[in-house]
Structures are given as structure tokens and as C-alpha cells.
Amino acid sequence: MTPSGPPRLSARGLLQQPLGGWRTQLVLRVIGFAALTWLLARVHGGVDAAFARLLGHHPAELVMMGAWIVIGLRGANTLALSGAAASGAWLVFGGVDMAINHPAERVVMITIPLFAVLAQVVYGLAPGHPVPPDVLARKVDRAFIAMLRVTMLLAMSFVALHKINTDFLDPALSCMNHVTGRLELWGPFGRLGAELASPWMVIASEAAVPLLLALAPRWGVLAATLLFAVFRLASFGPIAVMMTGLSFAFLADGDLARVRERRGLAGAVALGVILVFAAVALASPYSGRLSLLEIALYAFFLAGALGALAALLLPGRGALPSPWKTSEWWPADRANRALVAGFGTLTLLFCLSPYFGVTFEYSFAMFSNLRADDHRWNHLFFPRWMQVTSFPRYEIVSLKGHPRSVPSTAQAEVASLDGHLFQRTELYLAVERTRAAADPSLDWVLEVEYAGERHRFENVYETDDLMQFLRGQPRDSVFFRPAISGRSPQPCVH
């Protein structure tokens, strides 16, 4: 007789095996729901218009979003996540212009599945150590949940920290206005919320999320859900839904059983949320770009999340499972620890990268007014000496129109561009945008400084000298903003 043992996974089975436990699947399904919101934003206005919009995207982007939508509907396995991660990486590192234009969205949609797949492969195909499917699910779940917790704490901490700069705290310049301006589209209630908001209130609200997630995890999940609900209702795209999903990693493994025990309470709270949402929407009509279907779907998602959290947080019989299980914060086995420590270190370095001068995008510094470069350093406590390198940009010294006739001394000037900094493509586009306002009776001369050298382009609107010069320069970088303000205060740039 041959000895029998627990079932093992083949390589093919590994590709089709659902990843992790219920929390892993919940987080990944929420990211899939976020991809669905991306799709819904592009299929309004008739079938022909919807197809035209979708066909305008890069095929790899459609593959990535399609894979995520499948994950949202059917759950996550290694095959679907590999497709999503590979197509997303091709887009980012290939420099493709994506409709998913929030760098933080790209981080979530690419690195999160890569980590999950890596954990699945490490435990499922380790030489000499094949594991049964149920053991594999537990190991992957612990690695994935620990990684998500580290990522969420670091990301949300730096989302708040990046905003502690002079330009965000200036009410006239603050990116807070980007949020409050969209909230005003929600009628009287939205306008009231916009009037009460302040830059420090935004920073405090964002900083409260990682603090609560670390100290009182379930309350932290509630704080994250409510904060990102405001962002989602202010017409922010998938990122608001994604970050809500990442916060679910702070739930305890036994919380699902608790919600099922109190499903009547959860359902009642969810119904109440929907009724309140509908009443507010009727009393304070929305006039923005979100479709009714998008709003309704998000209302049901929000109601479900708040109903489940009510079942966990409202007083009831029986003790809640502890959210402080050590293995969910710092895994017991060495391979898990290496994965979590490595990913956490990488996330921390990316969050600090603007101050090192290494990159700006992918650091969770969106909508922060942050500047940390040679021309301007506006952060209140991260010091300039942290900068170890700088990214070269094209600085417009001047764009002036000189008279064609010698006796005349009159000049015209496009002052709005002077001192501004651009990457290669954006420099050309910025100059082209001034063409319509330029007096054709003048000879327009552009002076640009790049990498310590000054370049002069005569008759810039009538020759292709600028284009020929730029063609020979290094290509644009996806890790830095295409245009910033130079030495002057930084207005809000996404």
C-alpha cells in the first residue's frame, strides 16, 4: 500500500487555486470593484461613444482592467492576478499614457497582485515542501494581510505627511480646493462641507486613519471607509475604493463569523445607510459627472461596509476576536517575514523618494502641493539635506516677441511661462499653447536652460528648431511630474 496524505497542488492547480482566506479575497474583490467603477465612467453616452472611448485606450490597459473586473466578480487566483500585474507593469515601465492616471492606483493595481502571486509561488512550489491547499491558503493569507497592513500604514501616514508644506497650507493654493470644489456639486450639504473644510482638517483626517488602524483597527477601518467615501463622492476614481479595500486587511480573521452571527443588525444598518443616502441625495441634488449607476453602486458598497462594521463595533453579546494576533502583524515563518520586511522597506523608500530626489510619482504625494527639488523646497520639517540627486528639467527663461523693424523698441512677453519647469514633451506643448496668443508681427525668441546650459531658439513659432533639439534629448520620465511652477509657490498639480 502506498501511503496517503493530504492533497497536494500541481503547478496547474496552483494557477487556479483561490488565493488566501476571506480577507485576501475581500481586498482583491474590492480592487476589482474599483476597476468596474473605472469601466462605468467610460460607458455612458450611448454604445458608439462608449466603444470609441474604450478603443482609445492601450490594449494592455484594457487587459489589466478586464482581469481586475473578473477578479471582482469571480474571486482571485494566481492566473488572473498574474495577467493584471504583467499588463500593468508593461504600461508603467513602457511609458504608456494610461487612463488610470493616479500613480497610487497603479501602485495598488500592480504591486499588490505581484506580492500575492509571489507568496503563492514561494509556498506552493518551494522545492521539497509542497503544501496542501488549505495550508497554502493560510500561509498566503498571513503574508498578504501582513504586507497590506504595512503598506496601508505607510501610505496613509505619508499621504498626510507630504501635505505639511507651505503651499498646501495656503488656502489660495491648497489642493484641498480640488476636493471642496467637487463637493460643492452635491448641493447645499456639499457646499456646507466645503465651507467647513480647512487644510489642517484634511491633514488631521488623513493622519487619523493610520493612527486608528494601528491602535484600534476596527475603528480605523471605519475611519478609512468614511474618509474615502468623501473622496469617492467628490468624483475621485478607483483610488478611493481601492484604499477602502486595503483597510479591510485590518479586520481580524474571526470577524467574518461575528458579522454572520449579527447579519440582521448588519442588514438593518445597511438599509438605513441607503435610505439616508437617498434622502440626502434628494434634498441636496448632485450636478457633477458621476452617473446615477455609479452613485447607486457605490451607495450599496458603502452601505454593506458600514453594516458589517456596525455588527462588529456596536455593543453585543460575546467577545470580539482579538485584532492583535501577532502572526498577522509579524508572521512566524522566515519566508513570510522576508517578504513583508522587503515589501515594507520598498514602500518606505518610495514614500521618502521625493525628498531623496529619486522620484516623485508613486510616493503617495498626489494632491499635496509638495515641492522637494533644486528650485523649491516647501516641506515644513523634512530637510533639504535629504536630497541626494535631482531630476533635470527644462526651465523657460523667457519667451519674448521682438519687433521685426529695427527702429521700434516695443516688445511683447509671455510672462506666465517664465521660470516654469517642464519635461521634454510638456515643454513643447506649453510653447505650442502660447501660439494663438502670440502677435504674428513679432519675432518670438525662446530661451531655455537645461542641465546648466542655456539654449536660444529664434522664430520659435516659424521653425522646427525646438522640436529638433528636443528629439535629441532624454525621453520623459514617468516618475516625475511633467510640469511644475519653478521657484514660485506650487499650485495644485495632480
Foldseek 3Di string as FASTA:
>chain_A
DDDDDFDFADPVNQQVQFAADPLVQQLLLLLLVLLVQVLVLQCPDDNVSSVVSVVPFDPLQVQLSVLSVCCNVPNDGLNSLVSNQVSLVCCAVVVHDGPPPALQNSCCRHVLSVLLNVLSCCACVPPPHTDHSVVSNHSSLLLSLQLLLLLLLLLLQLLLQLQQFDQLQPVVFALLCLLLVLLVLQAPVSVVVSVPDHSVNLSVLSNVLSVCCVVPLLVSLVSLLVVLVSVVSSVDGSVSSSSSSSSSSLDDPCLVVLCVVVVVQLVVQLVVQLVVVVVSCVVGPGDDSDDPVSVVVVSSVSSNVVSSSCSVPPDDDDDDPDSPDPCNNANDDDVSNVSSVVSSVVLNCLLCCQLQQNFAHPNSCASNLQHQAPQEHTRDPSDNVNHNDHDKWKAWQWKKWAAPDVVDGDIDTPPQRHQKTFHLVVVVVVVVVCVVVDDPRTWIKTWIDIPRDIDIDTSVVPDCVSVVVSVPDDHDRPRYDGIFGGNDRTHRDD
